[in-house]
Protein backbone atom coordinates (compact mmCIF):
# COMPACT_ATOMS: atom_id res chain seq x y z
CA MET A 1 -1.37 71.36 2.45
CA GLY A 2 0.49 68.80 4.24
CA GLU A 3 2.04 71.57 6.33
CA ILE A 4 -1.03 72.83 7.04
CA LEU A 5 -2.33 69.63 8.24
CA LYS A 6 0.69 68.87 10.56
CA ARG A 7 0.56 71.87 12.25
CA LEU A 8 -3.03 71.61 12.95
CA GLN A 9 -2.57 68.38 14.58
CA GLN A 10 0.10 70.22 16.66
CA GLN A 11 -2.58 72.66 17.97
CA SER A 12 -3.20 70.16 21.27
CA ILE A 13 0.21 70.88 22.44
CA ASP A 14 0.98 74.57 21.17
CA ALA A 15 1.08 77.41 23.55
CA ARG A 16 -0.33 80.21 21.46
CA PRO A 17 -4.29 79.39 20.07
CA ALA A 18 -4.34 79.40 16.06
CA ASN A 19 -6.68 78.63 13.29
CA ALA A 20 -6.49 77.70 10.29
CA HIS A 21 -6.30 81.02 8.50
CA GLU A 22 -3.52 81.91 10.39
CA ILE A 23 -1.25 78.64 9.95
CA LEU A 24 -1.82 79.23 6.20
CA ALA A 25 -0.75 82.99 6.09
CA SER A 26 2.18 81.88 8.06
CA VAL A 27 3.25 79.16 5.59
CA GLU A 28 2.37 81.22 2.69
CA THR A 29 4.99 84.04 4.22
CA GLU A 30 7.78 81.49 4.74
CA GLN A 31 10.71 81.74 2.52
CA ILE A 32 10.76 78.70 0.20
CA VAL A 33 14.20 77.65 -0.92
CA PRO A 34 13.92 76.21 -4.12
CA PRO A 35 15.83 72.43 -4.22
CA CYS A 36 19.06 72.30 -5.93
CA GLN A 37 18.60 71.38 -9.80
CA ILE A 38 21.77 69.27 -10.10
CA CYS A 39 21.11 67.00 -7.02
CA GLY A 40 17.27 67.70 -6.16
CA GLY A 41 18.35 68.97 -2.71
CA ARG A 42 20.09 65.79 -1.81
CA GLY A 43 23.31 67.66 -1.55
CA TRP A 44 25.18 64.35 -2.58
CA LEU A 45 25.65 62.69 -5.67
CA ARG A 46 27.35 59.52 -6.95
CA ARG A 47 29.48 59.18 -9.90
CA ASN A 48 28.63 57.02 -12.86
CA VAL A 49 31.57 54.94 -12.84
CA ILE A 50 32.53 51.05 -13.43
CA ILE A 51 32.53 48.65 -10.67
CA GLY A 52 36.17 48.20 -9.20
CA HIS A 53 36.95 52.27 -9.91
CA ALA A 54 37.88 54.18 -6.54
CA ASP A 55 34.98 56.03 -6.69
CA PHE A 56 32.30 53.28 -6.79
CA GLY A 57 29.46 53.51 -4.65
CA ARG A 58 30.74 56.84 -2.88
CA ALA A 59 28.52 60.02 -2.50
CA GLN A 60 30.57 63.16 -3.70
CA PRO A 61 29.63 66.77 -2.31
CA CYS A 62 27.42 68.73 -5.01
CA GLU A 63 27.94 72.14 -5.68
CA CYS A 64 25.01 73.03 -3.73
CA GLN A 65 27.54 71.95 -0.85
CA LEU A 66 30.30 73.39 -1.66
CA GLU A 67 28.45 77.12 -1.60
CA MET A 68 27.09 76.49 1.77
CA SER A 69 28.85 78.15 4.85
CA GLU A 70 30.64 75.65 7.32
CA ASP A 71 27.83 76.38 10.04
CA GLN A 72 24.87 75.88 7.27
CA ARG A 73 26.80 72.81 6.00
CA LEU A 74 27.29 71.11 9.64
CA SER A 75 23.45 72.38 10.30
CA ARG A 76 22.11 70.22 7.40
CA LEU A 77 24.68 67.16 7.79
CA ARG A 78 23.17 66.93 11.66
CA ARG A 79 19.54 67.03 9.98
CA TYR A 80 20.22 64.50 7.40
CA SER A 81 22.20 62.44 9.87
CA ASN A 82 18.86 61.48 11.77
CA MET A 83 20.93 61.68 15.28
CA GLY A 84 18.12 63.68 17.28
CA VAL A 85 19.96 64.24 21.25
CA LEU A 86 22.98 62.30 20.15
CA SER A 87 24.44 65.00 17.96
CA GLN A 88 25.59 66.36 21.27
CA LEU A 89 28.03 63.61 22.05
CA ASN A 90 31.44 63.93 21.30
CA PHE A 91 34.89 62.55 22.23
CA GLY A 92 36.03 65.72 24.28
CA ASP A 93 33.13 64.99 26.69
CA THR A 94 34.03 61.13 26.79
CA ILE A 95 35.49 59.38 29.71
CA PRO A 96 38.22 57.68 28.25
CA ASP A 97 38.43 54.74 30.76
CA GLY A 98 34.34 54.45 30.47
CA ARG A 99 32.07 54.53 33.62
CA GLY A 100 32.73 52.24 36.19
CA GLY A 101 33.27 48.72 35.55
CA THR A 102 36.34 46.47 36.18
CA VAL A 103 40.09 47.07 35.64
CA GLU A 104 39.46 44.72 32.27
CA THR A 105 36.36 46.51 30.92
CA LYS A 106 38.15 50.21 31.57
CA GLN A 107 40.86 48.79 29.57
CA LYS A 108 38.89 47.35 26.63
CA PHE A 109 36.77 50.68 26.94
CA ARG A 110 39.94 52.74 26.21
CA PHE A 111 41.04 50.44 23.48
CA ALA A 112 37.75 51.28 21.71
CA PHE A 113 37.88 54.96 22.60
CA ASP A 114 41.32 55.54 21.04
CA THR A 115 40.45 53.20 17.97
CA ALA A 116 36.88 55.22 17.49
CA ILE A 117 38.76 58.58 17.69
CA SER A 118 41.63 57.25 14.54
CA TYR A 119 38.49 56.10 12.76
CA SER A 120 36.61 59.14 12.85
CA SER A 121 39.72 61.03 11.21
CA GLU A 122 39.42 58.87 8.04
CA PRO A 123 36.79 56.32 8.17
CA LYS A 124 37.97 53.04 6.49
CA GLY A 125 36.37 49.21 6.69
CA TRP A 126 34.02 48.51 9.38
CA LEU A 127 33.92 49.15 13.32
CA VAL A 128 32.08 46.83 15.20
CA LEU A 129 31.07 47.62 18.90
CA THR A 130 29.71 44.78 21.42
CA GLY A 131 28.63 44.35 24.69
CA SER A 132 25.63 44.94 27.01
CA SER A 133 23.56 48.00 27.47
CA GLY A 134 25.44 50.91 29.42
CA THR A 135 28.96 49.87 27.94
CA GLY A 136 29.30 52.93 25.87
CA LYS A 137 28.86 51.63 22.45
CA THR A 138 26.43 53.99 21.24
CA HIS A 139 28.12 57.00 22.78
CA LEU A 140 31.60 56.07 20.55
CA ALA A 141 29.49 55.55 17.52
CA ALA A 142 27.40 58.66 17.90
CA ALA A 143 31.07 60.60 18.87
CA ILE A 144 32.53 59.11 15.39
CA ALA A 145 29.40 60.46 13.75
CA ASN A 146 29.60 63.95 14.58
CA ARG A 147 33.40 64.11 14.60
CA CYS A 148 33.04 63.15 10.71
CA MET A 149 30.12 65.72 10.12
CA GLU A 150 32.48 68.46 11.65
CA ARG A 151 34.82 67.21 8.63
CA GLY A 152 31.65 67.64 5.82
CA GLN A 153 30.97 63.93 5.81
CA PRO A 154 27.76 62.73 5.46
CA VAL A 155 26.28 60.30 7.90
CA PHE A 156 23.17 58.48 8.27
CA PHE A 157 22.93 57.20 11.96
CA ALA A 158 20.00 54.35 12.41
CA PHE A 159 18.47 52.16 15.39
CA VAL A 160 17.66 49.17 13.52
CA PRO A 161 14.33 48.23 14.56
CA ASP A 162 13.33 52.04 13.61
CA LEU A 163 14.99 51.87 10.14
CA LEU A 164 13.08 48.70 9.22
CA ASP A 165 10.20 50.50 10.38
CA HIS A 166 10.73 53.26 8.02
CA LEU A 167 11.58 50.83 5.42
CA ARG A 168 8.38 49.38 5.88
CA ALA A 169 6.47 53.23 5.89
CA SER A 170 8.34 53.83 2.76
CA PHE A 171 6.09 51.36 0.68
CA ASN A 172 3.00 53.98 1.56
CA PRO A 173 2.45 56.27 -1.56
CA GLU A 174 2.07 59.30 0.73
CA HIS A 175 5.35 58.80 2.52
CA GLU A 176 7.85 61.40 1.84
CA LEU A 177 10.63 59.08 0.81
CA SER A 178 10.02 56.46 -1.57
CA TYR A 179 11.19 52.90 -0.78
CA ASP A 180 13.72 52.79 -3.38
CA GLU A 181 15.13 56.12 -1.94
CA LEU A 182 15.22 55.42 1.58
CA PHE A 183 17.16 51.96 0.87
CA GLU A 184 19.74 53.46 -1.75
CA GLN A 185 20.28 56.47 0.81
CA VAL A 186 21.28 53.89 3.56
CA LYS A 187 23.13 51.45 1.18
CA SER A 188 25.28 54.15 -0.39
CA ILE A 189 25.53 56.78 2.35
CA PRO A 190 29.20 57.72 2.61
CA LEU A 191 29.47 56.48 6.43
CA LEU A 192 26.21 54.63 7.91
CA ILE A 193 26.02 53.74 11.53
CA LEU A 194 23.79 50.60 12.68
CA ASP A 195 22.60 51.03 16.10
CA ASP A 196 21.78 47.80 18.08
CA LEU A 197 21.60 45.23 15.27
CA GLY A 198 20.19 41.97 16.39
CA SER A 199 17.47 43.97 18.55
CA GLN A 200 15.05 43.76 15.44
CA SER A 201 12.61 41.15 14.92
CA ALA A 202 13.74 38.18 13.06
CA THR A 203 11.50 38.13 10.25
CA THR A 204 12.42 36.88 6.79
CA TRP A 205 11.73 40.15 5.15
CA ALA A 206 13.92 42.17 7.99
CA ASP A 207 16.83 39.39 7.99
CA GLU A 208 16.64 39.87 3.90
CA LYS A 209 16.62 43.59 3.88
CA LEU A 210 19.36 43.99 6.69
CA PHE A 211 21.64 41.49 4.92
CA GLN A 212 21.27 43.62 1.50
CA VAL A 213 22.36 46.75 3.15
CA LEU A 214 25.39 45.10 4.51
CA ASN A 215 26.27 42.92 1.42
CA HIS A 216 26.08 46.02 -0.71
CA ARG A 217 28.38 48.05 1.85
CA TYR A 218 30.55 45.25 2.56
CA VAL A 219 31.21 44.60 -1.55
CA ALA A 220 31.86 48.44 -2.45
CA GLY A 221 33.98 48.78 1.40
CA LEU A 222 31.85 51.95 2.31
CA PRO A 223 32.65 52.45 6.00
CA THR A 224 30.19 51.10 8.59
CA VAL A 225 29.99 51.12 12.41
CA ILE A 226 27.73 48.45 14.06
CA THR A 227 26.94 48.62 17.56
CA THR A 228 25.25 45.38 19.02
CA ASN A 229 24.17 43.47 22.05
CA THR A 230 23.63 40.27 20.28
CA PRO A 231 26.72 37.75 20.50
CA ILE A 232 28.22 37.91 17.02
CA ASP A 233 28.13 33.81 17.38
CA ASP A 234 24.06 33.90 17.46
CA MET A 235 23.63 36.08 14.10
CA ASP A 236 22.94 34.53 10.92
CA GLU A 237 25.62 32.90 9.07
CA ARG A 238 25.57 35.40 6.48
CA THR A 239 25.98 38.37 8.29
CA LYS A 240 28.31 36.71 10.89
CA SER A 241 30.75 36.17 7.59
CA ARG A 242 30.61 39.49 6.99
CA LEU A 243 31.29 41.23 10.66
CA GLU A 244 34.27 38.33 11.46
CA ASP A 245 36.27 39.47 7.95
CA SER A 246 39.25 40.55 9.48
CA LEU A 247 40.48 42.20 6.14
CA VAL A 248 37.37 44.54 6.53
CA ALA A 249 35.64 44.39 10.19
CA LYS A 250 37.46 45.14 13.63
CA ILE A 251 35.44 43.63 16.38
CA PHE A 252 35.85 45.74 19.92
CA ASP A 253 34.21 43.80 22.86
CA LEU A 254 33.39 46.05 25.63
CA GLY A 255 32.16 43.84 27.98
CA PHE A 256 28.56 42.81 29.80
CA HIS A 257 27.29 43.94 33.03
CA ALA A 258 26.35 41.89 35.74
CA SER A 259 22.82 42.40 35.36
CA ASN A 260 23.07 40.25 32.34
CA LYS A 261 24.78 37.43 33.89
CA ILE A 262 21.41 35.59 34.41
CA LEU A 263 21.90 34.93 30.13
CA THR A 264 25.41 34.70 30.02
CA GLY A 265 25.49 31.25 30.11
CA ILE A 266 22.49 30.31 29.07
CA GLY A 267 22.32 26.51 27.55
CA GLU A 268 25.58 25.62 29.33
CA ILE A 269 26.48 22.75 31.41
CA PRO A 270 28.32 23.96 34.91
CA SER A 271 31.85 22.43 35.06
CA SER A 272 30.79 20.91 38.64
CA MET A 273 28.07 18.93 37.03
CA LEU A 274 30.37 17.71 34.03
CA GLN A 275 32.64 16.48 36.73
CA MET A 276 30.30 14.72 39.13
CA MET A 277 27.80 13.25 36.05
CA ASN A 278 29.55 10.87 33.55
CA PHE A 279 29.37 7.33 32.70
CA GLU A 280 32.33 6.16 34.75
CA ASN A 281 30.68 6.81 37.87
CA PHE A 282 27.24 6.11 37.03
CA LYS A 283 26.21 2.99 39.60
CA PHE A 284 23.80 0.31 38.73
CA ASP A 285 25.53 -2.36 40.31
CA ASN A 286 24.28 -1.81 43.98
CA LYS A 287 23.47 -4.97 46.59
CA THR A 288 20.51 -2.94 47.33
CA LEU A 289 18.49 -2.75 44.53
CA HIS A 290 15.96 -5.28 43.17
CA GLN A 291 17.01 -7.47 39.99
CA SER A 292 14.38 -5.55 37.90
CA GLU A 293 15.66 -2.30 39.09
CA LYS A 294 19.13 -2.77 38.03
CA GLN A 295 17.64 -4.11 34.91
CA THR A 296 16.33 -0.74 33.91
CA LEU A 297 19.21 0.96 35.36
CA GLU A 298 21.94 -0.81 33.15
CA ALA A 299 19.49 -0.42 29.66
CA SER A 300 19.24 2.95 30.07
CA PHE A 301 22.74 3.07 30.89
CA ARG A 302 23.85 1.01 27.83
CA MET A 303 21.45 3.08 25.75
CA ALA A 304 22.85 6.39 26.89
CA GLN A 305 26.71 5.34 26.17
CA ALA A 306 25.20 4.02 22.56
CA TYR A 307 23.39 7.52 21.92
CA ALA A 308 26.49 9.58 23.08
CA LYS A 309 28.53 7.87 20.42
CA ASP A 310 25.98 8.76 17.33
CA PRO A 311 23.14 10.78 18.74
CA ASP A 312 20.11 10.60 16.17
CA GLY A 313 16.08 10.86 16.98
CA TRP A 314 14.90 11.63 20.58
CA LEU A 315 15.73 9.96 23.67
CA VAL A 316 13.44 10.31 27.08
CA PHE A 317 14.12 9.18 30.23
CA LEU A 318 11.39 8.45 32.28
CA GLY A 319 11.29 8.02 36.25
CA ASN A 320 11.42 9.97 39.66
CA SER A 321 13.69 12.17 41.39
CA GLY A 322 17.04 10.75 42.05
CA THR A 323 17.10 7.79 39.54
CA GLY A 324 19.75 8.61 37.48
CA LYS A 325 18.10 10.25 34.37
CA THR A 326 19.96 13.85 34.77
CA HIS A 327 23.13 11.86 35.37
CA LEU A 328 22.68 9.92 31.95
CA SER A 329 21.81 12.94 30.38
CA ILE A 330 24.94 15.04 31.23
CA SER A 331 27.01 11.92 30.35
CA ILE A 332 25.97 12.21 27.05
CA ALA A 333 26.62 15.92 26.82
CA LYS A 334 29.79 15.61 28.25
CA SER A 335 30.93 12.68 25.26
CA GLN A 336 29.68 15.23 22.80
CA LEU A 337 31.26 18.16 24.20
CA ASP A 338 34.31 16.22 24.40
CA SER A 339 34.31 15.50 20.54
CA GLY A 340 33.91 19.28 19.95
CA LYS A 341 30.23 18.93 19.41
CA GLU A 342 27.76 21.76 20.78
CA VAL A 343 25.15 21.05 23.32
CA PHE A 344 22.47 23.10 24.71
CA PHE A 345 21.24 21.93 28.02
CA THR A 346 18.55 23.51 29.97
CA PHE A 347 16.33 22.82 32.81
CA VAL A 348 12.82 23.73 31.55
CA PRO A 349 11.13 25.94 33.88
CA ASP A 350 14.48 28.46 33.63
CA LEU A 351 14.39 28.16 30.00
CA LEU A 352 11.03 29.48 29.95
CA ASP A 353 12.07 32.04 32.83
CA HIS A 354 15.19 33.33 30.47
CA LEU A 355 12.59 33.44 27.16
CA ARG A 356 10.58 35.88 29.48
CA TYR A 357 13.61 37.60 30.76
CA THR A 358 14.75 38.55 27.06
CA PHE A 359 11.54 40.78 26.94
CA SER A 360 13.05 43.10 29.55
CA PRO A 361 15.11 46.50 28.24
CA ASP A 362 18.02 45.20 30.31
CA SER A 363 18.40 41.70 28.15
CA ARG A 364 21.32 41.23 25.87
CA VAL A 365 19.92 38.18 24.35
CA THR A 366 16.89 39.12 21.71
CA TYR A 367 13.73 36.59 22.53
CA ASP A 368 13.96 35.49 18.82
CA GLY A 369 17.59 34.70 19.15
CA LEU A 370 17.10 32.94 21.97
CA PHE A 371 13.92 30.68 20.82
CA GLU A 372 15.93 30.08 17.34
CA LYS A 373 18.68 28.73 19.11
CA VAL A 374 16.80 26.62 21.24
CA LYS A 375 14.79 25.05 18.43
CA ARG A 376 17.89 24.43 16.06
CA THR A 377 20.84 23.51 18.32
CA PRO A 378 22.27 20.49 16.99
CA LEU A 379 21.58 18.69 20.58
CA LEU A 380 19.21 19.93 23.16
CA ILE A 381 18.65 18.69 26.71
CA LEU A 382 15.18 19.24 28.28
CA ASP A 383 15.80 18.73 31.48
CA ASP A 384 12.87 17.99 33.91
CA LEU A 385 10.03 18.63 31.45
CA GLY A 386 6.58 18.58 33.41
CA ALA A 387 8.04 20.74 36.22
CA GLU A 388 7.02 24.12 34.68
CA SER A 389 4.00 26.05 35.27
CA ALA A 390 1.17 24.95 33.00
CA THR A 391 0.43 28.33 31.55
CA PRO A 392 -1.08 28.56 28.19
CA TRP A 393 2.00 30.94 27.31
CA ALA A 394 4.46 28.17 28.43
CA HIS A 395 2.50 25.22 27.12
CA GLU A 396 2.74 27.43 23.47
CA LYS A 397 6.80 27.74 23.55
CA LEU A 398 7.24 23.93 24.54
CA TYR A 399 4.91 23.20 21.74
CA GLN A 400 6.84 25.29 19.16
CA ILE A 401 10.02 23.86 20.45
CA ILE A 402 8.88 20.18 20.29
CA VAL A 403 7.30 20.17 16.97
CA GLN A 404 10.02 22.43 14.89
CA ARG A 405 12.76 19.69 16.42
CA HIS A 406 10.25 16.29 15.89
CA ASN A 407 9.61 17.51 12.41
CA GLU A 408 13.28 17.88 11.34
CA ARG A 409 14.24 14.86 13.82
CA LEU A 410 17.09 17.03 15.50
CA PRO A 411 18.54 15.33 18.48
CA THR A 412 16.93 15.41 21.52
CA ILE A 413 17.33 14.28 25.04
CA ILE A 414 14.12 14.84 27.67
CA THR A 415 14.06 13.90 31.34
CA THR A 416 10.72 13.64 32.84
CA ARG A 417 8.83 12.10 35.87
CA ASN A 418 5.80 11.54 33.84
CA LEU A 419 5.28 11.05 29.95
CA PRO A 420 2.22 12.99 28.73
CA SER A 421 -0.32 10.95 27.38
CA THR A 422 -3.58 13.21 27.34
CA GLN A 423 -5.37 12.44 24.03
CA GLY A 424 -5.24 15.68 21.45
CA ASP A 425 -2.18 16.99 23.34
CA PRO A 426 0.73 17.71 20.65
CA ILE A 427 3.21 17.69 22.88
CA ALA A 428 2.23 14.19 24.10
CA SER A 429 1.86 13.09 20.38
CA ARG A 430 5.52 13.72 19.79
CA LEU A 431 6.65 12.27 22.81
CA ASN A 432 4.90 9.08 21.97
CA ASP A 433 5.97 8.70 18.30
CA PRO A 434 8.08 5.55 18.34
CA ARG A 435 9.24 6.37 14.90
CA VAL A 436 11.50 9.10 16.35
CA VAL A 437 11.23 8.75 20.14
CA GLN A 438 12.99 6.25 22.42
CA VAL A 439 11.29 6.02 25.84
CA MET A 440 13.76 4.71 28.54
CA PRO A 441 11.66 3.95 31.83
CA ILE A 442 14.05 3.99 35.10
CA GLU A 443 12.55 1.80 38.02
CA ALA A 444 14.54 2.72 41.14
CA PRO A 445 14.65 4.13 44.62
CA ASP A 446 15.88 7.81 45.04
CA TYR A 447 20.13 7.02 45.64
CA ARG A 448 19.87 10.40 47.68
CA ASN A 449 17.87 8.68 50.36
CA SER A 450 19.43 5.09 49.74
CA GLY A 451 22.67 5.75 52.02
CA SER A 452 25.02 4.11 49.20
CA GLY A 453 26.87 7.23 48.25
CA SER A 454 26.48 6.80 44.62
CA ALA A 455 27.00 9.79 42.31
CA ARG A 456 24.28 8.31 40.17
CA GLN A 457 21.06 11.44 40.17
């Protein structure tokens, strides 16, 4: 009946008219091949051996597999592998140096290409291919899969977001595979290929399922190929530890295209700013300044120096453009960077643009990955808060960042021209909390118009 319903649903796209009686007749006349009594039609079995045995966790071909012709076996493997149109990709049609790019990226691809060929002959350990879209990661992974299937080795190829969707759907009693069956298949298949790891939604459930798969295959030593657009440093620590284990995994970085450079340096401070803005060249003794202006500049300078030694709580520099807010923030950042600490610096309107850009298919940074990094980075500097477009979406994103960091009291520096004070505004409430936030107002003229030549900004 399930087959009849499927065919009825296809009538709208079927060129030949059909009715229920014709479909029923065609189904009844099809040759029905009974499943193997040994493996239930799966074609592969796992031996019941103790942990540590050479065959532990490894699939063995059933007798029904051995009785198939080579063509039948390859056809079955391709259907089972979930490859689809990728079943046409092979090493023979691959350009060894890749398609275009710089001399460096061509060398990287050639090295990965040669390694992939060797790996496909006898898969051992893990092969991790990183790089932006279009660098050839999926092509090499598919070529490995097809070469292995030609040798009779079963492969399961999975685009990670789709795999998680399938696992969720398998909880439905009407699904063709139960959750346990599908999950066991993914964990224990002789060769698993996970395409685009890191592109999935970063939910607790998804992270846990993926780690269970990776950890099982890591412990059992099962061959695994992984492609990812996400820098491994941005992955959760458990996954990162498995991928970076040099005894198990080999990592090949195929590089990143220019179209992704918009996101390559997010959070980094340009070297020119680090050279120009430091404590040594911050001036607050200009003779043209009024005494009150000198006092606010010196007080902010001393506070910045103290904060740089031990960042704790929040520091808000409040003042007009050109008074030195950004200069002091970068000076603190430089001190932290020189000590080997991590700093994330961003101009607030740019941060929101980057978050929007992560939804683009060309982005190698996921929205969840970037958003989590901003929320949890050890020291965050939000430059020029209030200069962003006041859209509900922008306000919501900033609210989520600020609430997360305020609740956990994560060190944060904010520069702003106006401290929000609207009653009931959750962002204003956090920024005006004296238990966490130290506000340093700077009352000084714009140095750019002073003619003093000061480096202060």
